[in-house]
Amino acid sequence: MRKLKIERPEEQQRFESFLRSRQLKLTGERLELVEEVFGQAHHFDADQLHMALKQKGKGISRATVYRTLDLLVQCGLVRKSSFGDQHAHYEAVRSNEHHDHLICLNCDAIIEFFRPDLEALQEQICQEFTFKPMHHSHQIFGLCKACQSKATDDTVLAHRLSQLST
């Protein structure tokens, strides 16, 4: 198998092992896709990833992008999130880095944050209820600083809020 050009060898090994365990091949297209995923600095959707690959002259089909993203999510190398819109957002998982999100309902800005005190409180609550946490996702929807000073359409905001899954 060819070697991935991603930041850490453990990621390469993890993806190769994951594919092997499912009797799947590590193709050149999958390698290029993984390299592009780990080259992304921010959240992206599948179409943005497909377009980035296309602009680099890579002839990877949209179906391959979606299938490989699903494999990377299952493998734990990519995190899939929903930010209240109609499509999934992805981001490469780097080490055990964790963060939460503030999502602007007006301009769709995604602000990442990490608060040790919030993490500690979540751990305390789990201990209090003898609950073993496996995963959590903290998202706060509202208006970013820039959008708070702009005129916003309350009916559009109300519609966006009503579309959030609870």
N, C-alpha and C. Protein backbone atom coordinates (compact mmCIF):
# COMPACT_ATOMS: atom_id res chain seq x y z
N MET A 1 0.83 -1.20 0.00
CA MET A 1 0.00 0.00 0.00
C MET A 1 0.87 1.25 0.00
N ARG A 2 0.40 2.29 -0.70
CA ARG A 2 1.12 3.56 -0.72
C ARG A 2 0.97 4.24 0.63
N LYS A 3 1.90 5.10 0.94
CA LYS A 3 1.87 5.81 2.22
C LYS A 3 1.13 7.14 2.05
N LEU A 4 0.33 7.48 3.05
CA LEU A 4 -0.35 8.76 3.06
C LEU A 4 0.62 9.86 3.43
N LYS A 5 0.39 11.05 2.90
CA LYS A 5 1.21 12.20 3.27
C LYS A 5 0.45 13.06 4.27
N ILE A 6 0.04 12.47 5.37
CA ILE A 6 -0.66 13.21 6.39
C ILE A 6 0.24 13.41 7.58
N GLU A 7 -0.14 14.30 8.45
CA GLU A 7 0.74 14.80 9.51
C GLU A 7 1.35 13.72 10.39
N ARG A 8 0.59 12.72 10.79
CA ARG A 8 1.08 11.78 11.78
C ARG A 8 0.96 10.35 11.25
N PRO A 9 2.03 9.56 11.42
CA PRO A 9 2.00 8.19 10.92
C PRO A 9 0.89 7.34 11.54
N GLU A 10 0.47 7.65 12.78
CA GLU A 10 -0.59 6.86 13.40
C GLU A 10 -1.91 7.00 12.65
N GLU A 11 -2.14 8.14 12.03
CA GLU A 11 -3.36 8.33 11.24
C GLU A 11 -3.32 7.46 9.99
N GLN A 12 -2.18 7.41 9.35
CA GLN A 12 -2.01 6.57 8.18
C GLN A 12 -2.25 5.11 8.56
N GLN A 13 -1.61 4.69 9.61
CA GLN A 13 -1.73 3.30 10.06
C GLN A 13 -3.18 2.97 10.43
N ARG A 14 -3.82 3.90 11.09
CA ARG A 14 -5.21 3.69 11.52
C ARG A 14 -6.13 3.53 10.33
N PHE A 15 -5.97 4.37 9.29
CA PHE A 15 -6.83 4.27 8.12
C PHE A 15 -6.54 2.97 7.36
N GLU A 16 -5.26 2.64 7.18
CA GLU A 16 -4.91 1.40 6.49
C GLU A 16 -5.47 0.19 7.22
N SER A 17 -5.33 0.15 8.54
CA SER A 17 -5.85 -0.96 9.34
C SER A 17 -7.37 -1.04 9.25
N PHE A 18 -8.00 0.11 9.31
CA PHE A 18 -9.45 0.17 9.21
C PHE A 18 -9.92 -0.42 7.88
N LEU A 19 -9.29 0.02 6.79
CA LEU A 19 -9.68 -0.49 5.47
C LEU A 19 -9.42 -2.00 5.37
N ARG A 20 -8.26 -2.43 5.83
CA ARG A 20 -7.93 -3.86 5.78
C ARG A 20 -8.95 -4.69 6.57
N SER A 21 -9.36 -4.20 7.73
CA SER A 21 -10.31 -4.95 8.57
C SER A 21 -11.66 -5.11 7.88
N ARG A 22 -11.95 -4.27 6.92
CA ARG A 22 -13.20 -4.34 6.16
C ARG A 22 -12.98 -4.87 4.75
N GLN A 23 -11.77 -5.38 4.53
CA GLN A 23 -11.37 -5.94 3.24
C GLN A 23 -11.58 -4.94 2.10
N LEU A 24 -11.19 -3.69 2.39
CA LEU A 24 -11.27 -2.62 1.39
C LEU A 24 -9.87 -2.21 0.98
N LYS A 25 -9.76 -1.68 -0.21
CA LYS A 25 -8.45 -1.30 -0.74
C LYS A 25 -8.14 0.16 -0.43
N LEU A 26 -6.86 0.42 -0.25
CA LEU A 26 -6.37 1.80 -0.12
C LEU A 26 -5.99 2.25 -1.52
N THR A 27 -6.94 2.88 -2.20
CA THR A 27 -6.73 3.30 -3.59
C THR A 27 -6.04 4.65 -3.65
N GLY A 28 -5.54 4.98 -4.81
CA GLY A 28 -4.93 6.28 -5.02
C GLY A 28 -5.91 7.41 -4.78
N GLU A 29 -7.16 7.22 -5.18
CA GLU A 29 -8.18 8.25 -4.95
C GLU A 29 -8.41 8.47 -3.46
N ARG A 30 -8.46 7.39 -2.70
CA ARG A 30 -8.65 7.53 -1.25
C ARG A 30 -7.46 8.24 -0.61
N LEU A 31 -6.27 7.93 -1.10
CA LEU A 31 -5.08 8.61 -0.58
C LEU A 31 -5.15 10.11 -0.84
N GLU A 32 -5.50 10.49 -2.06
CA GLU A 32 -5.59 11.92 -2.42
C GLU A 32 -6.67 12.61 -1.59
N LEU A 33 -7.75 11.92 -1.38
CA LEU A 33 -8.85 12.49 -0.61
C LEU A 33 -8.45 12.72 0.84
N VAL A 34 -7.77 11.75 1.43
CA VAL A 34 -7.33 11.89 2.83
C VAL A 34 -6.33 13.04 2.95
N GLU A 35 -5.43 13.14 1.99
CA GLU A 35 -4.46 14.24 2.01
C GLU A 35 -5.18 15.58 1.96
N GLU A 36 -6.21 15.68 1.14
CA GLU A 36 -6.97 16.93 1.03
C GLU A 36 -7.72 17.22 2.32
N VAL A 37 -8.32 16.19 2.92
CA VAL A 37 -9.05 16.36 4.18
C VAL A 37 -8.13 16.93 5.25
N PHE A 38 -6.93 16.36 5.39
CA PHE A 38 -6.01 16.83 6.42
C PHE A 38 -5.31 18.13 6.04
N GLY A 39 -5.52 18.58 4.81
CA GLY A 39 -5.02 19.88 4.39
C GLY A 39 -6.01 21.00 4.66
N GLN A 40 -7.22 20.65 5.02
CA GLN A 40 -8.25 21.64 5.32
C GLN A 40 -8.05 22.20 6.71
N ALA A 41 -8.09 23.52 6.83
CA ALA A 41 -7.89 24.15 8.14
C ALA A 41 -9.20 24.31 8.91
N HIS A 42 -10.32 24.27 8.20
CA HIS A 42 -11.62 24.54 8.83
C HIS A 42 -12.63 23.47 8.44
N HIS A 43 -13.84 23.64 8.92
CA HIS A 43 -14.93 22.74 8.56
C HIS A 43 -15.18 22.84 7.05
N PHE A 44 -15.64 21.77 6.47
CA PHE A 44 -15.95 21.73 5.04
C PHE A 44 -17.11 20.78 4.83
N ASP A 45 -17.76 20.91 3.68
CA ASP A 45 -18.77 19.92 3.34
C ASP A 45 -18.24 19.09 2.17
N ALA A 46 -18.95 18.04 1.84
CA ALA A 46 -18.47 17.11 0.81
C ALA A 46 -18.32 17.80 -0.54
N ASP A 47 -19.24 18.70 -0.87
CA ASP A 47 -19.15 19.39 -2.16
C ASP A 47 -17.94 20.33 -2.21
N GLN A 48 -17.65 21.00 -1.10
CA GLN A 48 -16.45 21.85 -1.05
C GLN A 48 -15.18 21.02 -1.23
N LEU A 49 -15.15 19.85 -0.61
CA LEU A 49 -14.00 18.97 -0.75
C LEU A 49 -13.86 18.48 -2.19
N HIS A 50 -14.98 18.10 -2.79
CA HIS A 50 -14.98 17.65 -4.18
C HIS A 50 -14.48 18.76 -5.11
N MET A 51 -14.94 19.98 -4.86
CA MET A 51 -14.53 21.12 -5.69
C MET A 51 -13.04 21.40 -5.51
N ALA A 52 -12.54 21.32 -4.30
CA ALA A 52 -11.11 21.56 -4.04
C ALA A 52 -10.26 20.54 -4.79
N LEU A 53 -10.69 19.29 -4.79
CA LEU A 53 -9.97 18.24 -5.51
C LEU A 53 -10.04 18.47 -7.02
N LYS A 54 -11.20 18.87 -7.48
CA LYS A 54 -11.40 19.13 -8.92
C LYS A 54 -10.50 20.28 -9.38
N GLN A 55 -10.40 21.34 -8.57
CA GLN A 55 -9.56 22.48 -8.91
C GLN A 55 -8.09 22.11 -8.96
N LYS A 56 -7.72 21.03 -8.28
CA LYS A 56 -6.33 20.55 -8.31
C LYS A 56 -6.12 19.52 -9.41
N GLY A 57 -7.14 19.35 -10.25
CA GLY A 57 -7.03 18.42 -11.37
C GLY A 57 -7.25 16.96 -11.01
N LYS A 58 -7.81 16.71 -9.86
CA LYS A 58 -8.07 15.33 -9.42
C LYS A 58 -9.44 14.91 -9.92
N GLY A 59 -9.50 13.81 -10.62
CA GLY A 59 -10.76 13.33 -11.20
C GLY A 59 -11.51 12.38 -10.29
N ILE A 60 -11.70 12.77 -9.06
CA ILE A 60 -12.39 11.93 -8.09
C ILE A 60 -13.88 12.23 -8.13
N SER A 61 -14.69 11.19 -8.25
CA SER A 61 -16.13 11.39 -8.35
C SER A 61 -16.72 11.86 -7.03
N ARG A 62 -17.86 12.51 -7.13
CA ARG A 62 -18.59 12.96 -5.94
C ARG A 62 -18.96 11.76 -5.07
N ALA A 63 -19.35 10.65 -5.69
CA ALA A 63 -19.73 9.44 -4.94
C ALA A 63 -18.53 8.92 -4.13
N THR A 64 -17.34 8.93 -4.72
CA THR A 64 -16.14 8.48 -4.00
C THR A 64 -15.85 9.40 -2.82
N VAL A 65 -16.06 10.70 -3.00
CA VAL A 65 -15.85 11.65 -1.90
C VAL A 65 -16.79 11.29 -0.74
N TYR A 66 -18.07 11.12 -1.03
CA TYR A 66 -19.03 10.80 0.02
C TYR A 66 -18.72 9.46 0.69
N ARG A 67 -18.42 8.44 -0.11
CA ARG A 67 -18.12 7.11 0.46
C ARG A 67 -16.86 7.15 1.33
N THR A 68 -15.83 7.84 0.85
CA THR A 68 -14.59 7.89 1.62
C THR A 68 -14.76 8.72 2.89
N LEU A 69 -15.53 9.81 2.81
CA LEU A 69 -15.81 10.58 4.03
C LEU A 69 -16.52 9.71 5.07
N ASP A 70 -17.47 8.89 4.61
CA ASP A 70 -18.16 7.99 5.54
C ASP A 70 -17.18 7.02 6.19
N LEU A 71 -16.23 6.49 5.40
CA LEU A 71 -15.22 5.58 5.95
C LEU A 71 -14.34 6.30 6.97
N LEU A 72 -13.94 7.53 6.64
CA LEU A 72 -13.09 8.29 7.55
C LEU A 72 -13.81 8.63 8.85
N VAL A 73 -15.12 8.87 8.77
CA VAL A 73 -15.92 9.12 9.98
C VAL A 73 -15.97 7.84 10.81
N GLN A 74 -16.26 6.71 10.16
CA GLN A 74 -16.33 5.42 10.88
C GLN A 74 -14.99 5.09 11.53
N CYS A 75 -13.91 5.46 10.86
CA CYS A 75 -12.56 5.19 11.35
C CYS A 75 -12.17 6.13 12.50
N GLY A 76 -12.86 7.26 12.62
CA GLY A 76 -12.57 8.22 13.67
C GLY A 76 -11.56 9.28 13.27
N LEU A 77 -11.19 9.32 12.00
CA LEU A 77 -10.24 10.33 11.54
C LEU A 77 -10.91 11.63 11.13
N VAL A 78 -12.23 11.58 10.92
CA VAL A 78 -13.00 12.75 10.53
C VAL A 78 -14.23 12.83 11.41
N ARG A 79 -14.57 14.04 11.81
CA ARG A 79 -15.77 14.29 12.61
C ARG A 79 -16.84 14.88 11.70
N LYS A 80 -18.04 14.33 11.82
CA LYS A 80 -19.18 14.80 11.03
C LYS A 80 -20.13 15.54 11.96
N SER A 81 -20.53 16.74 11.57
CA SER A 81 -21.41 17.56 12.41
C SER A 81 -22.54 18.14 11.58
N SER A 82 -23.61 18.45 12.26
CA SER A 82 -24.72 19.16 11.64
C SER A 82 -24.84 20.49 12.37
N PHE A 83 -24.82 21.56 11.62
CA PHE A 83 -24.88 22.89 12.22
C PHE A 83 -26.20 23.59 11.91
N GLY A 84 -27.26 22.81 11.86
CA GLY A 84 -28.57 23.39 11.69
C GLY A 84 -28.97 23.66 10.26
N ASP A 85 -28.15 23.26 9.30
CA ASP A 85 -28.54 23.44 7.90
C ASP A 85 -28.82 22.07 7.31
N GLN A 86 -28.99 22.01 6.02
CA GLN A 86 -29.46 20.79 5.37
C GLN A 86 -28.36 19.81 4.98
N HIS A 87 -27.11 20.09 5.31
CA HIS A 87 -26.05 19.17 4.92
C HIS A 87 -25.03 19.00 6.04
N ALA A 88 -24.25 17.94 5.91
CA ALA A 88 -23.24 17.63 6.93
C ALA A 88 -21.98 18.45 6.72
N HIS A 89 -21.33 18.76 7.82
CA HIS A 89 -20.04 19.43 7.81
C HIS A 89 -19.02 18.44 8.38
N TYR A 90 -17.80 18.55 7.90
CA TYR A 90 -16.75 17.62 8.32
C TYR A 90 -15.54 18.41 8.78
N GLU A 91 -14.72 17.75 9.59
CA GLU A 91 -13.41 18.30 9.95
C GLU A 91 -12.49 17.14 10.32
N ALA A 92 -11.22 17.30 9.99
CA ALA A 92 -10.23 16.29 10.34
C ALA A 92 -10.06 16.27 11.85
N VAL A 93 -9.94 15.08 12.41
CA VAL A 93 -9.71 14.92 13.84
C VAL A 93 -8.20 14.86 14.05
N ARG A 94 -7.70 15.81 14.79
CA ARG A 94 -6.27 15.88 15.07
C ARG A 94 -6.03 15.52 16.53
N SER A 95 -5.32 14.40 16.75
CA SER A 95 -5.04 13.87 18.09
C SER A 95 -6.33 13.73 18.88
N ASN A 96 -6.27 14.09 20.14
CA ASN A 96 -7.48 14.02 20.97
C ASN A 96 -8.05 15.41 21.18
N GLU A 97 -7.81 16.29 20.22
CA GLU A 97 -8.30 17.66 20.31
C GLU A 97 -9.82 17.66 20.35
N HIS A 98 -10.35 18.46 21.22
CA HIS A 98 -11.81 18.59 21.31
C HIS A 98 -12.15 20.07 21.38
N HIS A 99 -13.26 20.42 20.74
CA HIS A 99 -13.76 21.79 20.84
C HIS A 99 -15.26 21.76 20.60
N ASP A 100 -15.91 22.83 20.96
CA ASP A 100 -17.34 22.98 20.76
C ASP A 100 -17.58 24.14 19.80
N HIS A 101 -18.85 24.43 19.50
CA HIS A 101 -19.14 25.38 18.43
C HIS A 101 -20.21 26.40 18.79
N LEU A 102 -19.97 27.62 18.34
CA LEU A 102 -20.98 28.68 18.32
C LEU A 102 -21.33 28.85 16.84
N ILE A 103 -22.63 28.79 16.49
CA ILE A 103 -23.04 28.85 15.09
C ILE A 103 -23.97 30.04 14.89
N CYS A 104 -23.57 30.94 13.99
CA CYS A 104 -24.40 32.11 13.70
C CYS A 104 -25.52 31.72 12.73
N LEU A 105 -26.74 31.99 13.13
CA LEU A 105 -27.89 31.66 12.30
C LEU A 105 -28.08 32.63 11.14
N ASN A 106 -27.37 33.73 11.16
CA ASN A 106 -27.52 34.72 10.09
C ASN A 106 -26.47 34.53 8.99
N CYS A 107 -25.21 34.47 9.36
CA CYS A 107 -24.14 34.40 8.34
C CYS A 107 -23.47 33.03 8.27
N ASP A 108 -23.91 32.09 9.11
CA ASP A 108 -23.37 30.72 9.14
C ASP A 108 -21.94 30.62 9.64
N ALA A 109 -21.43 31.66 10.29
CA ALA A 109 -20.08 31.58 10.86
C ALA A 109 -20.06 30.47 11.92
N ILE A 110 -18.96 29.75 11.98
CA ILE A 110 -18.77 28.71 12.98
C ILE A 110 -17.55 29.11 13.81
N ILE A 111 -17.79 29.35 15.08
CA ILE A 111 -16.71 29.76 15.99
C ILE A 111 -16.42 28.58 16.90
N GLU A 112 -15.17 28.12 16.89
CA GLU A 112 -14.77 27.00 17.74
C GLU A 112 -14.30 27.54 19.08
N PHE A 113 -14.63 26.80 20.15
CA PHE A 113 -14.14 27.20 21.47
C PHE A 113 -13.89 25.96 22.32
N PHE A 114 -13.02 26.12 23.28
CA PHE A 114 -12.74 25.07 24.25
C PHE A 114 -12.71 25.70 25.63
N ARG A 115 -13.45 25.15 26.56
CA ARG A 115 -13.47 25.65 27.92
C ARG A 115 -13.25 24.50 28.89
N PRO A 116 -12.09 24.45 29.52
CA PRO A 116 -11.83 23.37 30.48
C PRO A 116 -12.87 23.31 31.60
N ASP A 117 -13.39 24.47 32.02
CA ASP A 117 -14.38 24.46 33.10
C ASP A 117 -15.69 23.80 32.64
N LEU A 118 -16.05 23.98 31.38
CA LEU A 118 -17.25 23.34 30.83
C LEU A 118 -17.04 21.83 30.75
N GLU A 119 -15.86 21.43 30.31
CA GLU A 119 -15.54 20.00 30.24
C GLU A 119 -15.57 19.37 31.63
N ALA A 120 -15.01 20.07 32.62
CA ALA A 120 -15.00 19.56 33.99
C ALA A 120 -16.43 19.43 34.53
N LEU A 121 -17.27 20.41 34.23
CA LEU A 121 -18.66 20.35 34.67
C LEU A 121 -19.38 19.16 34.06
N GLN A 122 -19.15 18.91 32.77
CA GLN A 122 -19.76 17.75 32.11
C GLN A 122 -19.31 16.45 32.76
N GLU A 123 -18.02 16.35 33.09
CA GLU A 123 -17.50 15.16 33.76
C GLU A 123 -18.15 14.99 35.13
N GLN A 124 -18.29 16.09 35.85
CA GLN A 124 -18.90 16.06 37.18
C GLN A 124 -20.35 15.58 37.09
N ILE A 125 -21.08 16.07 36.11
CA ILE A 125 -22.48 15.67 35.93
C ILE A 125 -22.56 14.18 35.61
N CYS A 126 -21.68 13.69 34.75
CA CYS A 126 -21.67 12.26 34.43
C CYS A 126 -21.37 11.41 35.66
N GLN A 127 -20.42 11.85 36.47
CA GLN A 127 -20.10 11.13 37.70
C GLN A 127 -21.30 11.13 38.65
N GLU A 128 -21.94 12.27 38.76
CA GLU A 128 -23.10 12.41 39.65
C GLU A 128 -24.21 11.43 39.29
N PHE A 129 -24.39 11.16 38.01
CA PHE A 129 -25.44 10.26 37.55
C PHE A 129 -24.91 8.86 37.20
N THR A 130 -23.65 8.59 37.57
CA THR A 130 -22.99 7.32 37.24
C THR A 130 -23.21 7.00 35.76
N PHE A 131 -22.85 7.95 34.95
CA PHE A 131 -23.04 7.85 33.51
C PHE A 131 -21.68 7.83 32.84
N LYS A 132 -21.47 6.87 31.94
CA LYS A 132 -20.19 6.77 31.23
C LYS A 132 -20.31 7.51 29.89
N PRO A 133 -19.69 8.67 29.77
CA PRO A 133 -19.79 9.43 28.52
C PRO A 133 -18.97 8.76 27.41
N MET A 134 -19.52 8.76 26.22
CA MET A 134 -18.83 8.20 25.06
C MET A 134 -18.52 9.29 24.03
N HIS A 135 -19.39 10.27 23.97
CA HIS A 135 -19.23 11.36 23.00
C HIS A 135 -20.16 12.49 23.43
N HIS A 136 -19.75 13.69 23.13
CA HIS A 136 -20.66 14.81 23.31
C HIS A 136 -20.36 15.88 22.27
N SER A 137 -21.37 16.66 21.99
CA SER A 137 -21.24 17.75 21.04
C SER A 137 -22.01 18.93 21.60
N HIS A 138 -21.31 20.00 21.85
CA HIS A 138 -21.94 21.19 22.42
C HIS A 138 -21.99 22.25 21.33
N GLN A 139 -23.21 22.66 20.98
CA GLN A 139 -23.41 23.68 19.95
C GLN A 139 -24.36 24.74 20.49
N ILE A 140 -23.98 25.99 20.28
CA ILE A 140 -24.83 27.10 20.68
C ILE A 140 -25.16 27.88 19.42
N PHE A 141 -26.45 28.04 19.15
CA PHE A 141 -26.92 28.76 17.97
C PHE A 141 -27.35 30.15 18.37
N GLY A 142 -27.01 31.14 17.57
CA GLY A 142 -27.38 32.53 17.86
C GLY A 142 -26.83 33.45 16.81
N LEU A 143 -26.47 34.65 17.22
CA LEU A 143 -25.94 35.65 16.29
C LEU A 143 -24.53 36.04 16.71
N CYS A 144 -23.61 36.04 15.75
CA CYS A 144 -22.24 36.46 16.02
C CYS A 144 -22.20 37.97 16.26
N LYS A 145 -21.08 38.46 16.71
CA LYS A 145 -20.93 39.88 17.03
C LYS A 145 -21.26 40.77 15.83
N ALA A 146 -20.77 40.41 14.66
CA ALA A 146 -21.02 41.23 13.46
C ALA A 146 -22.50 41.26 13.10
N CYS A 147 -23.18 40.13 13.22
CA CYS A 147 -24.59 40.08 12.84
C CYS A 147 -25.51 40.72 13.87
N GLN A 148 -25.04 40.83 15.11
CA GLN A 148 -25.86 41.49 16.13
C GLN A 148 -26.05 42.97 15.81
N SER A 149 -25.10 43.56 15.10
CA SER A 149 -25.19 44.99 14.79
C SER A 149 -25.88 45.24 13.44
N LYS A 150 -26.24 44.17 12.73
CA LYS A 150 -26.92 44.30 11.44
C LYS A 150 -28.41 44.08 11.63
N ALA A 151 -29.17 44.58 10.68
CA ALA A 151 -30.60 44.29 10.68
C ALA A 151 -30.76 42.84 10.23
N THR A 152 -31.53 42.06 10.98
CA THR A 152 -31.76 40.67 10.62
C THR A 152 -33.25 40.44 10.45
N ASP A 153 -33.59 39.53 9.58
CA ASP A 153 -34.98 39.18 9.31
C ASP A 153 -35.43 38.16 10.36
N ASP A 154 -36.29 38.60 11.28
CA ASP A 154 -36.73 37.73 12.37
C ASP A 154 -37.46 36.49 11.87
N THR A 155 -38.17 36.59 10.75
CA THR A 155 -38.87 35.41 10.23
C THR A 155 -37.87 34.38 9.71
N VAL A 156 -36.79 34.84 9.10
CA VAL A 156 -35.75 33.92 8.62
C VAL A 156 -35.08 33.24 9.82
N LEU A 157 -34.76 34.03 10.84
CA LEU A 157 -34.15 33.45 12.04
C LEU A 157 -35.09 32.46 12.72
N ALA A 158 -36.37 32.80 12.80
CA ALA A 158 -37.36 31.89 13.42
C ALA A 158 -37.44 30.59 12.62
N HIS A 159 -37.40 30.69 11.30
CA HIS A 159 -37.44 29.50 10.45
C HIS A 159 -36.19 28.64 10.68
N ARG A 160 -35.02 29.28 10.71
CA ARG A 160 -33.77 28.54 10.94
C ARG A 160 -33.82 27.83 12.28
N LEU A 161 -34.33 28.52 13.31
CA LEU A 161 -34.44 27.90 14.65
C LEU A 161 -35.40 26.70 14.62
N SER A 162 -36.49 26.83 13.88
CA SER A 162 -37.48 25.74 13.83
C SER A 162 -36.93 24.52 13.10
N GLN A 163 -35.91 24.71 12.27
CA GLN A 163 -35.32 23.60 11.50
C GLN A 163 -34.27 22.83 12.29
N LEU A 164 -33.86 23.36 13.44
CA LEU A 164 -32.85 22.67 14.24
C LEU A 164 -33.44 21.40 14.82
N SER A 165 -32.68 20.32 14.76
CA SER A 165 -33.16 19.09 15.37
C SER A 165 -32.91 19.14 16.87
N THR A 166 -33.86 18.71 17.61
CA THR A 166 -33.75 18.76 19.08
C THR A 166 -33.50 17.39 19.65
